[in-house]
PDB file of N, CA and C in Angstrom:
ATOM      1  N   MET A   1      -8.117  -4.974 -10.121  1.00  0.00           N
ATOM      2  CA  MET A   1      -6.726  -4.126 -10.055  1.00  0.00           C
ATOM      3  C   MET A   1      -5.826  -4.631  -9.095  1.00  0.00           C
ATOM      4  N   LYS A   2      -4.577  -4.861  -9.461  1.00  0.00           N
ATOM      5  CA  LYS A   2      -3.507  -5.242  -8.727  1.00  0.00           C
ATOM      6  C   LYS A   2      -3.328  -4.414  -7.342  1.00  0.00           C
ATOM      7  N   SER A   3      -2.862  -4.969  -6.275  1.00  0.00           N
ATOM      8  CA  SER A   3      -2.591  -4.303  -5.162  1.00  0.00           C
ATOM      9  C   SER A   3      -1.276  -3.699  -5.225  1.00  0.00           C
ATOM     10  N   GLU A   4      -1.049  -2.679  -4.364  1.00  0.00           N
ATOM     11  CA  GLU A   4       0.398  -2.102  -4.302  1.00  0.00           C
ATOM     12  C   GLU A   4       1.388  -3.015  -4.296  1.00  0.00           C
ATOM     13  N   ARG A   5       1.170  -3.910  -3.147  1.00  0.00           N
ATOM     14  CA  ARG A   5       2.089  -5.058  -2.832  1.00  0.00           C
ATOM     15  C   ARG A   5       2.559  -5.791  -4.172  1.00  0.00           C
ATOM     16  N   ASP A   6       1.470  -6.315  -4.873  1.00  0.00           N
ATOM     17  CA  ASP A   6       1.535  -6.919  -6.203  1.00  0.00           C
ATOM     18  C   ASP A   6       2.579  -6.238  -7.289  1.00  0.00           C
ATOM     19  N   ILE A   7       2.292  -5.073  -7.337  1.00  0.00           N
ATOM     20  CA  ILE A   7       3.161  -4.042  -8.109  1.00  0.00           C
ATOM     21  C   ILE A   7       4.564  -4.026  -7.634  1.00  0.00           C
ATOM     22  N   GLN A   8       4.708  -3.699  -6.239  1.00  0.00           N
ATOM     23  CA  GLN A   8       6.062  -3.728  -5.722  1.00  0.00           C
ATOM     24  C   GLN A   8       6.662  -4.891  -6.296  1.00  0.00           C
ATOM     25  N   ASN A   9       6.156  -6.124  -5.950  1.00  0.00           N
ATOM     26  CA  ASN A   9       6.793  -7.420  -6.214  1.00  0.00           C
ATOM     27  C   ASN A   9       7.161  -7.593  -7.919  1.00  0.00           C
ATOM     28  N   GLU A  10       6.292  -7.103  -8.497  1.00  0.00           N
ATOM     29  CA  GLU A  10       6.663  -6.999  -9.842  1.00  0.00           C
ATOM     30  C   GLU A  10       7.675  -6.201 -10.294  1.00  0.00           C
ATOM     31  N   ILE A  11       7.838  -4.980  -9.568  1.00  0.00           N
ATOM     32  CA  ILE A  11       8.931  -3.970 -10.052  1.00  0.00           C
ATOM     33  C   ILE A  11      10.185  -4.633  -9.499  1.00  0.00           C
ATOM     34  N   ARG A  12      10.176  -5.146  -8.318  1.00  0.00           N
ATOM     35  CA  ARG A  12      11.502  -5.813  -7.947  1.00  0.00           C
ATOM     36  C   ARG A  12      12.107  -6.811  -8.695  1.00  0.00           C
ATOM     37  N   GLU A  13      11.195  -7.695  -9.307  1.00  0.00           N
ATOM     38  CA  GLU A  13      11.457  -8.751 -10.247  1.00  0.00           C
ATOM     39  C   GLU A  13      11.987  -8.126 -11.652  1.00  0.00           C
ATOM     40  N   ALA A  14      11.416  -7.025 -12.186  1.00  0.00           N
ATOM     41  CA  ALA A  14      11.814  -6.381 -13.345  1.00  0.00           C
ATOM     42  C   ALA A  14      12.893  -5.731 -13.283  1.00  0.00           C
ATOM     43  N   LEU A  15      13.240  -5.154 -12.186  1.00  0.00           N
ATOM     44  CA  LEU A  15      14.484  -4.492 -12.093  1.00  0.00           C
ATOM     45  C   LEU A  15      15.799  -5.316 -11.856  1.00  0.00           C
ATOM     46  N   GLU A  16      15.627  -6.687 -11.351  1.00  0.00           N
ATOM     47  CA  GLU A  16      16.734  -7.301 -10.988  1.00  0.00           C
ATOM     48  C   GLU A  16      17.857  -7.371 -12.143  1.00  0.00           C
ATOM     49  N   PRO A  17      17.773  -7.163 -13.187  1.00  0.00           N
ATOM     50  CA  PRO A  17      18.712  -7.222 -14.171  1.00  0.00           C
ATOM     51  C   PRO A  17      19.723  -5.851 -14.137  1.00  0.00           C
ATOM     52  N   TYR A  18      19.001  -4.883 -13.534  1.00  0.00           N
ATOM     53  CA  TYR A  18      19.585  -3.510 -13.353  1.00  0.00           C
ATOM     54  C   TYR A  18      19.873  -2.996 -12.237  1.00  0.00           C
ATOM     55  N   ALA A  19      19.261  -3.470 -11.198  1.00  0.00           N
ATOM     56  CA  ALA A  19      19.418  -2.989  -9.672  1.00  0.00           C
ATOM     57  C   ALA A  19      19.531  -3.869  -8.752  1.00  0.00           C
ATOM     58  N   VAL A  20      19.905  -3.606  -7.481  1.00  0.00           N
ATOM     59  CA  VAL A  20      19.383  -4.460  -6.030  1.00  0.00           C
ATOM     60  C   VAL A  20      18.530  -3.499  -5.320  1.00  0.00           C
ATOM     61  N   ILE A  21      17.284  -4.120  -5.236  1.00  0.00           N
ATOM     62  CA  ILE A  21      16.233  -3.263  -4.557  1.00  0.00           C
ATOM     63  C   ILE A  21      15.706  -3.990  -3.491  1.00  0.00           C
ATOM     64  N   PHE A  22      15.545  -3.374  -2.447  1.00  0.00           N
ATOM     65  CA  PHE A  22      14.915  -3.851  -1.231  1.00  0.00           C
ATOM     66  C   PHE A  22      13.358  -3.164  -0.886  1.00  0.00           C
ATOM     67  N   ARG A  23      12.516  -3.812  -0.252  1.00  0.00           N
ATOM     68  CA  ARG A  23      11.287  -3.359   0.238  1.00  0.00           C
ATOM     69  C   ARG A  23      11.491  -2.712   1.600  1.00  0.00           C
ATOM     70  N   ALA A  24      10.993  -1.497   1.933  1.00  0.00           N
ATOM     71  CA  ALA A  24      11.186  -1.011   3.101  1.00  0.00           C
ATOM     72  C   ALA A  24       9.762  -1.375   3.933  1.00  0.00           C
ATOM     73  N   ASN A  25      10.194  -2.145   4.929  1.00  0.00           N
ATOM     74  CA  ASN A  25       9.254  -2.729   6.018  1.00  0.00           C
ATOM     75  C   ASN A  25       9.400  -1.781   7.302  1.00  0.00           C
ATOM     76  N   VAL A  26       8.209  -1.345   7.402  1.00  0.00           N
ATOM     77  CA  VAL A  26       8.027  -0.742   8.795  1.00  0.00           C
ATOM     78  C   VAL A  26       6.733  -1.312   9.584  1.00  0.00           C
ATOM     79  N   GLY A  27       6.441  -1.022  10.839  1.00  0.00           N
ATOM     80  CA  GLY A  27       5.569  -1.220  11.551  1.00  0.00           C
ATOM     81  C   GLY A  27       5.189  -0.632  12.885  1.00  0.00           C
ATOM     82  N   LYS A  28       4.336  -0.942  13.521  1.00  0.00           N
ATOM     83  CA  LYS A  28       3.720  -0.458  14.873  1.00  0.00           C
ATOM     84  C   LYS A  28       3.754  -1.385  15.894  1.00  0.00           C
ATOM     85  N   MET A  29       4.291  -1.320  16.945  1.00  0.00           N
ATOM     86  CA  MET A  29       4.263  -2.280  18.072  1.00  0.00           C
ATOM     87  C   MET A  29       3.819  -1.766  19.340  1.00  0.00           C
ATOM     88  N   LYS A  30       3.155  -2.645  20.136  1.00  0.00           N
ATOM     89  CA  LYS A  30       2.937  -2.242  21.357  1.00  0.00           C
ATOM     90  C   LYS A  30       3.748  -2.931  22.567  1.00  0.00           C
ATOM     91  N   THR A  31       4.423  -2.011  23.515  1.00  0.00           N
ATOM     92  CA  THR A  31       5.194  -2.479  24.357  1.00  0.00           C
ATOM     93  C   THR A  31       4.487  -3.292  25.413  1.00  0.00           C
ATOM     94  N   PRO A  32       5.084  -3.904  26.238  1.00  0.00           N
ATOM     95  CA  PRO A  32       4.384  -4.754  27.341  1.00  0.00           C
ATOM     96  C   PRO A  32       3.777  -3.681  28.374  1.00  0.00           C
ATOM     97  N   ASP A  33       4.299  -2.584  28.533  1.00  0.00           N
ATOM     98  CA  ASP A  33       3.510  -1.523  29.275  1.00  0.00           C
ATOM     99  C   ASP A  33       2.526  -0.693  28.574  1.00  0.00           C
ATOM    100  N   GLY A  34       2.185  -0.986  27.444  1.00  0.00           N
ATOM    101  CA  GLY A  34       0.989  -0.504  26.952  1.00  0.00           C
ATOM    102  C   GLY A  34       1.348   0.613  25.745  1.00  0.00           C
ATOM    103  N   ARG A  35       2.778   1.086  25.739  1.00  0.00           N
ATOM    104  CA  ARG A  35       3.084   2.032  24.662  1.00  0.00           C
ATOM    105  C   ARG A  35       3.111   1.644  23.400  1.00  0.00           C
ATOM    106  N   PHE A  36       2.970   2.661  22.375  1.00  0.00           N
ATOM    107  CA  PHE A  36       3.183   2.199  20.984  1.00  0.00           C
ATOM    108  C   PHE A  36       4.510   2.837  20.514  1.00  0.00           C
ATOM    109  N   PHE A  37       5.246   2.298  19.720  1.00  0.00           N
ATOM    110  CA  PHE A  37       6.348   2.792  19.042  1.00  0.00           C
ATOM    111  C   PHE A  37       6.340   2.117  17.668  1.00  0.00           C
ATOM    112  N   ASP A  38       6.868   3.095  16.773  1.00  0.00           N
ATOM    113  CA  ASP A  38       6.994   2.782  15.199  1.00  0.00           C
ATOM    114  C   ASP A  38       8.468   2.106  15.086  1.00  0.00           C
ATOM    115  N   THR A  39       8.536   1.192  14.192  1.00  0.00           N
ATOM    116  CA  THR A  39       9.870   0.665  13.874  1.00  0.00           C
ATOM    117  C   THR A  39      10.216   1.092  12.511  1.00  0.00           C
ATOM    118  N   GLY A  40      11.333   1.007  12.039  1.00  0.00           N
ATOM    119  CA  GLY A  40      11.711   1.264  10.757  1.00  0.00           C
ATOM    120  C   GLY A  40      12.101   2.581  10.282  1.00  0.00           C
ATOM    121  N   LEU A  41      11.447   3.066   9.440  1.00  0.00           N
ATOM    122  CA  LEU A  41      11.792   4.239   8.513  1.00  0.00           C
ATOM    123  C   LEU A  41      10.744   5.496   8.560  1.00  0.00           C
ATOM    124  N   PRO A  42      11.157   6.741   8.381  1.00  0.00           N
ATOM    125  CA  PRO A  42      10.308   7.831   8.436  1.00  0.00           C
ATOM    126  C   PRO A  42       9.099   7.942   7.657  1.00  0.00           C
ATOM    127  N   LYS A  43       8.170   8.607   8.177  1.00  0.00           N
ATOM    128  CA  LYS A  43       6.807   8.760   7.187  1.00  0.00           C
ATOM    129  C   LYS A  43       7.065   9.153   6.004  1.00  0.00           C
ATOM    130  N   GLY A  44       6.435   8.343   4.845  1.00  0.00           N
ATOM    131  CA  GLY A  44       6.676   8.935   3.736  1.00  0.00           C
ATOM    132  C   GLY A  44       7.981   8.188   2.978  1.00  0.00           C
ATOM    133  N   PHE A  45       8.622   7.624   3.725  1.00  0.00           N
ATOM    134  CA  PHE A  45       9.754   7.068   2.951  1.00  0.00           C
ATOM    135  C   PHE A  45       9.470   5.943   1.643  1.00  0.00           C
ATOM    136  N   PRO A  46      10.011   6.008   0.469  1.00  0.00           N
ATOM    137  CA  PRO A  46       9.503   5.091  -0.557  1.00  0.00           C
ATOM    138  C   PRO A  46       9.640   3.832  -0.323  1.00  0.00           C
ATOM    139  N   ASP A  47       8.575   3.204  -1.033  1.00  0.00           N
ATOM    140  CA  ASP A  47       8.435   1.681  -0.633  1.00  0.00           C
ATOM    141  C   ASP A  47       9.674   0.825  -1.129  1.00  0.00           C
ATOM    142  N   LEU A  48      10.220   1.116  -2.109  1.00  0.00           N
ATOM    143  CA  LEU A  48      11.325   0.587  -2.486  1.00  0.00           C
ATOM    144  C   LEU A  48      12.734   1.332  -2.521  1.00  0.00           C
ATOM    145  N   PHE A  49      13.753   0.760  -2.260  1.00  0.00           N
ATOM    146  CA  PHE A  49      15.027   1.471  -2.377  1.00  0.00           C
ATOM    147  C   PHE A  49      16.181   0.323  -2.746  1.00  0.00           C
ATOM    148  N   GLY A  50      17.020   0.902  -3.290  1.00  0.00           N
ATOM    149  CA  GLY A  50      18.428   0.140  -3.609  1.00  0.00           C
ATOM    150  C   GLY A  50      19.456   0.961  -4.291  1.00  0.00           C
ATOM    151  N   PHE A  51      20.154   0.223  -5.092  1.00  0.00           N
ATOM    152  CA  PHE A  51      21.105   0.768  -6.081  1.00  0.00           C
ATOM    153  C   PHE A  51      21.326   0.140  -7.436  1.00  0.00           C
ATOM    154  N   ARG A  52      21.726   0.859  -8.263  1.00  0.00           N
ATOM    155  CA  ARG A  52      21.957   0.578  -9.341  1.00  0.00           C
ATOM    156  C   ARG A  52      23.117  -0.450  -9.917  1.00  0.00           C
ATOM    157  N   LYS A  53      23.238  -1.477 -10.529  1.00  0.00           N
ATOM    158  CA  LYS A  53      24.015  -2.305 -10.545  1.00  0.00           C
ATOM    159  C   LYS A  53      25.492  -1.625 -11.323  1.00  0.00           C
ATOM    160  N   LEU A  54      25.219  -0.971 -12.203  1.00  0.00           N
ATOM    161  CA  LEU A  54      26.018  -0.227 -13.300  1.00  0.00           C
ATOM    162  C   LEU A  54      27.154   0.774 -12.518  1.00  0.00           C
ATOM    163  N   ASP A  55      26.403   1.491 -11.586  1.00  0.00           N
ATOM    164  CA  ASP A  55      27.389   2.391 -11.288  1.00  0.00           C
ATOM    165  C   ASP A  55      27.008   2.769  -9.703  1.00  0.00           C
ATOM    166  N   GLY A  56      26.276   2.022  -8.968  1.00  0.00           N
ATOM    167  CA  GLY A  56      25.987   2.307  -7.531  1.00  0.00           C
ATOM    168  C   GLY A  56      25.020   3.298  -7.226  1.00  0.00           C
ATOM    169  N   LYS A  57      24.612   4.106  -8.165  1.00  0.00           N
ATOM    170  CA  LYS A  57      23.638   5.074  -7.897  1.00  0.00           C
ATOM    171  C   LYS A  57      22.410   4.615  -7.323  1.00  0.00           C
ATOM    172  N   ALA A  58      22.079   5.581  -6.003  1.00  0.00           N
ATOM    173  CA  ALA A  58      20.779   5.103  -5.305  1.00  0.00           C
ATOM    174  C   ALA A  58      19.595   5.344  -5.901  1.00  0.00           C
ATOM    175  N   ILE A  59      18.507   4.420  -5.686  1.00  0.00           N
ATOM    176  CA  ILE A  59      17.409   4.374  -6.364  1.00  0.00           C
ATOM    177  C   ILE A  59      16.175   4.280  -5.131  1.00  0.00           C
ATOM    178  N   PHE A  60      15.386   5.318  -5.192  1.00  0.00           N
ATOM    179  CA  PHE A  60      13.983   5.331  -4.319  1.00  0.00           C
ATOM    180  C   PHE A  60      12.677   5.329  -5.330  1.00  0.00           C
ATOM    181  N   ILE A  61      12.146   4.308  -4.987  1.00  0.00           N
ATOM    182  CA  ILE A  61      10.613   4.244  -5.656  1.00  0.00           C
ATOM    183  C   ILE A  61       9.463   4.214  -4.740  1.00  0.00           C
ATOM    184  N   GLU A  62       8.712   5.303  -5.020  1.00  0.00           N
ATOM    185  CA  GLU A  62       7.407   5.124  -4.389  1.00  0.00           C
ATOM    186  C   GLU A  62       6.394   4.496  -5.224  1.00  0.00           C
ATOM    187  N   VAL A  63       5.824   3.481  -4.962  1.00  0.00           N
ATOM    188  CA  VAL A  63       4.886   2.501  -5.808  1.00  0.00           C
ATOM    189  C   VAL A  63       3.512   2.976  -5.347  1.00  0.00           C
ATOM    190  N   LYS A  64       2.566   3.099  -6.392  1.00  0.00           N
ATOM    191  CA  LYS A  64       1.407   3.611  -6.474  1.00  0.00           C
ATOM    192  C   LYS A  64       0.431   2.799  -7.194  1.00  0.00           C
ATOM    193  N   ARG A  65      -0.662   2.145  -6.892  1.00  0.00           N
ATOM    194  CA  ARG A  65      -1.594   1.757  -8.075  1.00  0.00           C
ATOM    195  C   ARG A  65      -2.011   2.966  -8.895  1.00  0.00           C
ATOM    196  N   PRO A  66      -2.557   2.567  -9.990  1.00  0.00           N
ATOM    197  CA  PRO A  66      -2.831   3.697 -11.278  1.00  0.00           C
ATOM    198  C   PRO A  66      -3.632   4.703 -10.792  1.00  0.00           C
ATOM    199  N   ASP A  67      -4.464   4.467  -9.653  1.00  0.00           N
ATOM    200  CA  ASP A  67      -5.428   5.321  -9.041  1.00  0.00           C
ATOM    201  C   ASP A  67      -4.981   6.082  -7.877  1.00  0.00           C
ATOM    202  N   GLY A  68      -3.832   5.574  -7.392  1.00  0.00           N
ATOM    203  CA  GLY A  68      -3.280   5.841  -6.088  1.00  0.00           C
ATOM    204  C   GLY A  68      -2.703   7.420  -6.086  1.00  0.00           C
ATOM    205  N   LYS A  69      -2.919   7.846  -4.814  1.00  0.00           N
ATOM    206  CA  LYS A  69      -2.340   9.371  -4.473  1.00  0.00           C
ATOM    207  C   LYS A  69      -1.436   9.239  -3.516  1.00  0.00           C
ATOM    208  N   LEU A  70      -0.423  10.425  -3.804  1.00  0.00           N
ATOM    209  CA  LEU A  70       0.655  10.522  -2.553  1.00  0.00           C
ATOM    210  C   LEU A  70      -0.017  10.995  -1.307  1.00  0.00           C
ATOM    211  N   SER A  71       0.516  10.533  -0.227  1.00  0.00           N
ATOM    212  CA  SER A  71       0.104  11.296   0.942  1.00  0.00           C
ATOM    213  C   SER A  71       1.097  12.385   1.165  1.00  0.00           C
ATOM    214  N   LYS A  72       0.703  13.535   2.120  1.00  0.00           N
ATOM    215  CA  LYS A  72       1.610  14.693   2.230  1.00  0.00           C
ATOM    216  C   LYS A  72       3.116  14.367   2.658  1.00  0.00           C
ATOM    217  N   ALA A  73       3.213  13.340   3.454  1.00  0.00           N
ATOM    218  CA  ALA A  73       4.492  12.794   3.882  1.00  0.00           C
ATOM    219  C   ALA A  73       5.308  12.178   2.738  1.00  0.00           C
ATOM    220  N   GLN A  74       4.581  11.581   1.915  1.00  0.00           N
ATOM    221  CA  GLN A  74       5.324  11.144   0.541  1.00  0.00           C
ATOM    222  C   GLN A  74       5.666  12.053  -0.410  1.00  0.00           C
ATOM    223  N   GLU A  75       4.813  13.205  -0.730  1.00  0.00           N
ATOM    224  CA  GLU A  75       5.171  14.352  -1.462  1.00  0.00           C
ATOM    225  C   GLU A  75       6.453  14.890  -0.962  1.00  0.00           C
ATOM    226  N   CYS A  76       6.476  15.312   0.450  1.00  0.00           N
ATOM    227  CA  CYS A  76       7.502  15.907   1.233  1.00  0.00           C
ATOM    228  C   CYS A  76       8.731  14.983   0.957  1.00  0.00           C
ATOM    229  N   ALA A  77       8.805  13.712   1.292  1.00  0.00           N
ATOM    230  CA  ALA A  77      10.101  12.804   0.931  1.00  0.00           C
ATOM    231  C   ALA A  77      10.356  13.174  -0.376  1.00  0.00           C
ATOM    232  N   GLY A  78       9.437  12.923  -1.401  1.00  0.00           N
ATOM    233  CA  GLY A  78       9.871  13.007  -2.785  1.00  0.00           C
ATOM    234  C   GLY A  78      10.433  14.302  -3.085  1.00  0.00           C
ATOM    235  N   ALA A  79      10.165  15.334  -2.593  1.00  0.00           N
ATOM    236  CA  ALA A  79      10.851  16.600  -2.689  1.00  0.00           C
ATOM    237  C   ALA A  79      12.222  16.662  -2.115  1.00  0.00           C
ATOM    238  N   VAL A  80      12.365  16.068  -1.057  1.00  0.00           N
ATOM    239  CA  VAL A  80      13.748  15.952  -0.553  1.00  0.00           C
ATOM    240  C   VAL A  80      14.652  15.098  -1.515  1.00  0.00           C
ATOM    241  N   PHE A  81      14.268  13.826  -1.936  1.00  0.00           N
ATOM    242  CA  PHE A  81      14.999  12.901  -2.594  1.00  0.00           C
ATOM    243  C   PHE A  81      15.151  13.443  -3.943  1.00  0.00           C
ATOM    244  N   SER A  82      14.220  14.232  -4.480  1.00  0.00           N
ATOM    245  CA  SER A  82      14.497  14.858  -5.755  1.00  0.00           C
ATOM    246  C   SER A  82      15.425  16.166  -6.016  1.00  0.00           C
ATOM    247  N   ALA A  83      15.882  16.623  -4.663  1.00  0.00           N
ATOM    248  CA  ALA A  83      16.801  17.670  -4.415  1.00  0.00           C
ATOM    249  C   ALA A  83      18.280  17.165  -4.682  1.00  0.00           C
ATOM    250  N   PHE A  84      18.666  15.896  -4.708  1.00  0.00           N
ATOM    251  CA  PHE A  84      19.731  15.098  -4.701  1.00  0.00           C
ATOM    252  C   PHE A  84      19.867  14.421  -5.837  1.00  0.00           C
ATOM    253  N   PRO A  85      21.323  14.148  -6.288  1.00  0.00           N
ATOM    254  CA  PRO A  85      21.588  13.354  -7.410  1.00  0.00           C
ATOM    255  C   PRO A  85      21.378  11.673  -7.170  1.00  0.00           C
ATOM    256  N   VAL A  86      20.090  11.454  -7.011  1.00  0.00           N
ATOM    257  CA  VAL A  86      19.628  10.052  -6.706  1.00  0.00           C
ATOM    258  C   VAL A  86      18.470   9.879  -7.767  1.00  0.00           C
ATOM    259  N   LEU A  87      18.104   8.525  -8.019  1.00  0.00           N
ATOM    260  CA  LEU A  87      17.116   8.279  -8.904  1.00  0.00           C
ATOM    261  C   LEU A  87      15.903   8.175  -7.895  1.00  0.00           C
ATOM    262  N   TYR A  88      14.832   9.061  -8.184  1.00  0.00           N
ATOM    263  CA  TYR A  88      13.570   8.940  -7.503  1.00  0.00           C
ATOM    264  C   TYR A  88      12.620   9.049  -8.261  1.00  0.00           C
ATOM    265  N   GLY A  89      11.363   8.194  -8.181  1.00  0.00           N
ATOM    266  CA  GLY A  89      10.345   8.330  -9.019  1.00  0.00           C
ATOM    267  C   GLY A  89       9.037   7.860  -8.204  1.00  0.00           C
ATOM    268  N   VAL A  90       7.854   8.157  -8.751  1.00  0.00           N
ATOM    269  CA  VAL A  90       6.544   7.467  -8.296  1.00  0.00           C
ATOM    270  C   VAL A  90       6.299   6.332  -9.602  1.00  0.00           C
ATOM    271  N   CYS A  91       6.387   5.318  -9.335  1.00  0.00           N
ATOM    272  CA  CYS A  91       5.999   4.197 -10.310  1.00  0.00           C
ATOM    273  C   CYS A  91       4.791   3.269 -10.094  1.00  0.00           C
ATOM    274  N   ARG A  92       3.955   3.365 -11.182  1.00  0.00           N
ATOM    275  CA  ARG A  92       2.651   2.616 -11.047  1.00  0.00           C
ATOM    276  C   ARG A  92       2.563   1.415 -11.923  1.00  0.00           C
ATOM    277  N   SER A  93       3.888   0.938 -12.449  1.00  0.00           N
ATOM    278  CA  SER A  93       4.179  -0.165 -13.230  1.00  0.00           C
ATOM    279  C   SER A  93       5.432  -0.517 -13.318  1.00  0.00           C
ATOM    280  N   THR A  94       5.493  -1.880 -13.841  1.00  0.00           N
ATOM    281  CA  THR A  94       6.992  -2.330 -13.889  1.00  0.00           C
ATOM    282  C   THR A  94       7.742  -1.235 -15.105  1.00  0.00           C
ATOM    283  N   GLU A  95       6.874  -1.043 -16.086  1.00  0.00           N
ATOM    284  CA  GLU A  95       7.541  -0.078 -17.133  1.00  0.00           C
ATOM    285  C   GLU A  95       7.894   1.241 -16.679  1.00  0.00           C
ATOM    286  N   ASP A  96       7.217   1.764 -15.792  1.00  0.00           N
ATOM    287  CA  ASP A  96       7.520   2.978 -15.140  1.00  0.00           C
ATOM    288  C   ASP A  96       8.831   2.942 -14.521  1.00  0.00           C
ATOM    289  N   ALA A  97       8.992   1.595 -13.597  1.00  0.00           N
ATOM    290  CA  ALA A  97      10.374   1.588 -12.933  1.00  0.00           C
ATOM    291  C   ALA A  97      11.517   1.323 -13.637  1.00  0.00           C
ATOM    292  N   VAL A  98      11.409   0.473 -14.832  1.00  0.00           N
ATOM    293  CA  VAL A  98      12.366   0.123 -15.813  1.00  0.00           C
ATOM    294  C   VAL A  98      12.780   1.329 -16.318  1.00  0.00           C
ATOM    295  N   LYS A  99      12.009   2.316 -16.947  1.00  0.00           N
ATOM    296  CA  LYS A  99      12.444   3.486 -17.399  1.00  0.00           C
ATOM    297  C   LYS A  99      13.034   4.427 -16.595  1.00  0.00           C
ATOM    298  N   LEU A 100      12.604   4.433 -15.162  1.00  0.00           N
ATOM    299  CA  LEU A 100      13.290   5.183 -14.279  1.00  0.00           C
ATOM    300  C   LEU A 100      14.683   5.036 -14.229  1.00  0.00           C
ATOM    301  N   VAL A 101      14.855   3.305 -14.065  1.00  0.00           N
ATOM    302  CA  VAL A 101      16.321   3.026 -13.884  1.00  0.00           C
ATOM    303  C   VAL A 101      17.265   2.991 -14.996  1.00  0.00           C
ATOM    304  N   THR A 102      16.699   2.841 -16.169  1.00  0.00           N
ATOM    305  CA  THR A 102      17.459   2.511 -17.357  1.00  0.00           C
ATOM    306  C   THR A 102      17.562   3.737 -18.298  1.00  0.00           C
ATOM    307  N   GLU A 103      16.519   4.895 -18.278  1.00  0.00           N
ATOM    308  CA  GLU A 103      16.666   5.807 -19.188  1.00  0.00           C
ATOM    309  C   GLU A 103      17.957   6.952 -18.785  1.00  0.00           C
ATOM    310  N   VAL A 104      17.972   6.943 -17.593  1.00  0.00           N
ATOM    311  CA  VAL A 104      19.151   7.851 -17.075  1.00  0.00           C
ATOM    312  C   VAL A 104      20.598   7.164 -16.831  1.00  0.00           C
ATOM    313  N   TYR A 105      20.576   6.076 -17.532  1.00  0.00           N
ATOM    314  CA  TYR A 105      22.032   5.408 -17.500  1.00  0.00           C
ATOM    315  C   TYR A 105      23.092   6.140 -17.803  1.00  0.00           C
ATOM    316  N   ARG A 106      22.872   7.096 -18.696  1.00  0.00           N
ATOM    317  CA  ARG A 106      24.056   7.848 -19.144  1.00  0.00           C
ATOM    318  C   ARG A 106      25.256   7.102 -19.706  1.00  0.00           C
ATOM    319  N   ILE A 107      25.172   6.298 -20.332  1.00  0.00           N
ATOM    320  CA  ILE A 107      26.210   5.459 -20.866  1.00  0.00           C
ATOM    321  C   ILE A 107      26.549   5.744 -22.337  1.00  0.00           C
TER     322      ILE A 107
END
């Protein structure tokens, strides 16, 4: 079975004709004095984000393997994004992602 990272990369490539997509990178670091801090985005932020080339509409994609489940933080983030006029979805394949971005073109 493909990894989430592989699926993310395939989605980014498949969406290239339709959108500009970025991968959300986050991490945890230890400071010289022994404290930890998180870098990047809030917990639950979607794996991929960007905008549609046609109209600039924002896109947020949570990538999961076919058997993957959303964490509570991801469910909460999804509820927030779904409350606004952006494109948000959980995608498990390139087909899911292309459908999310192109089916709602409204042209």
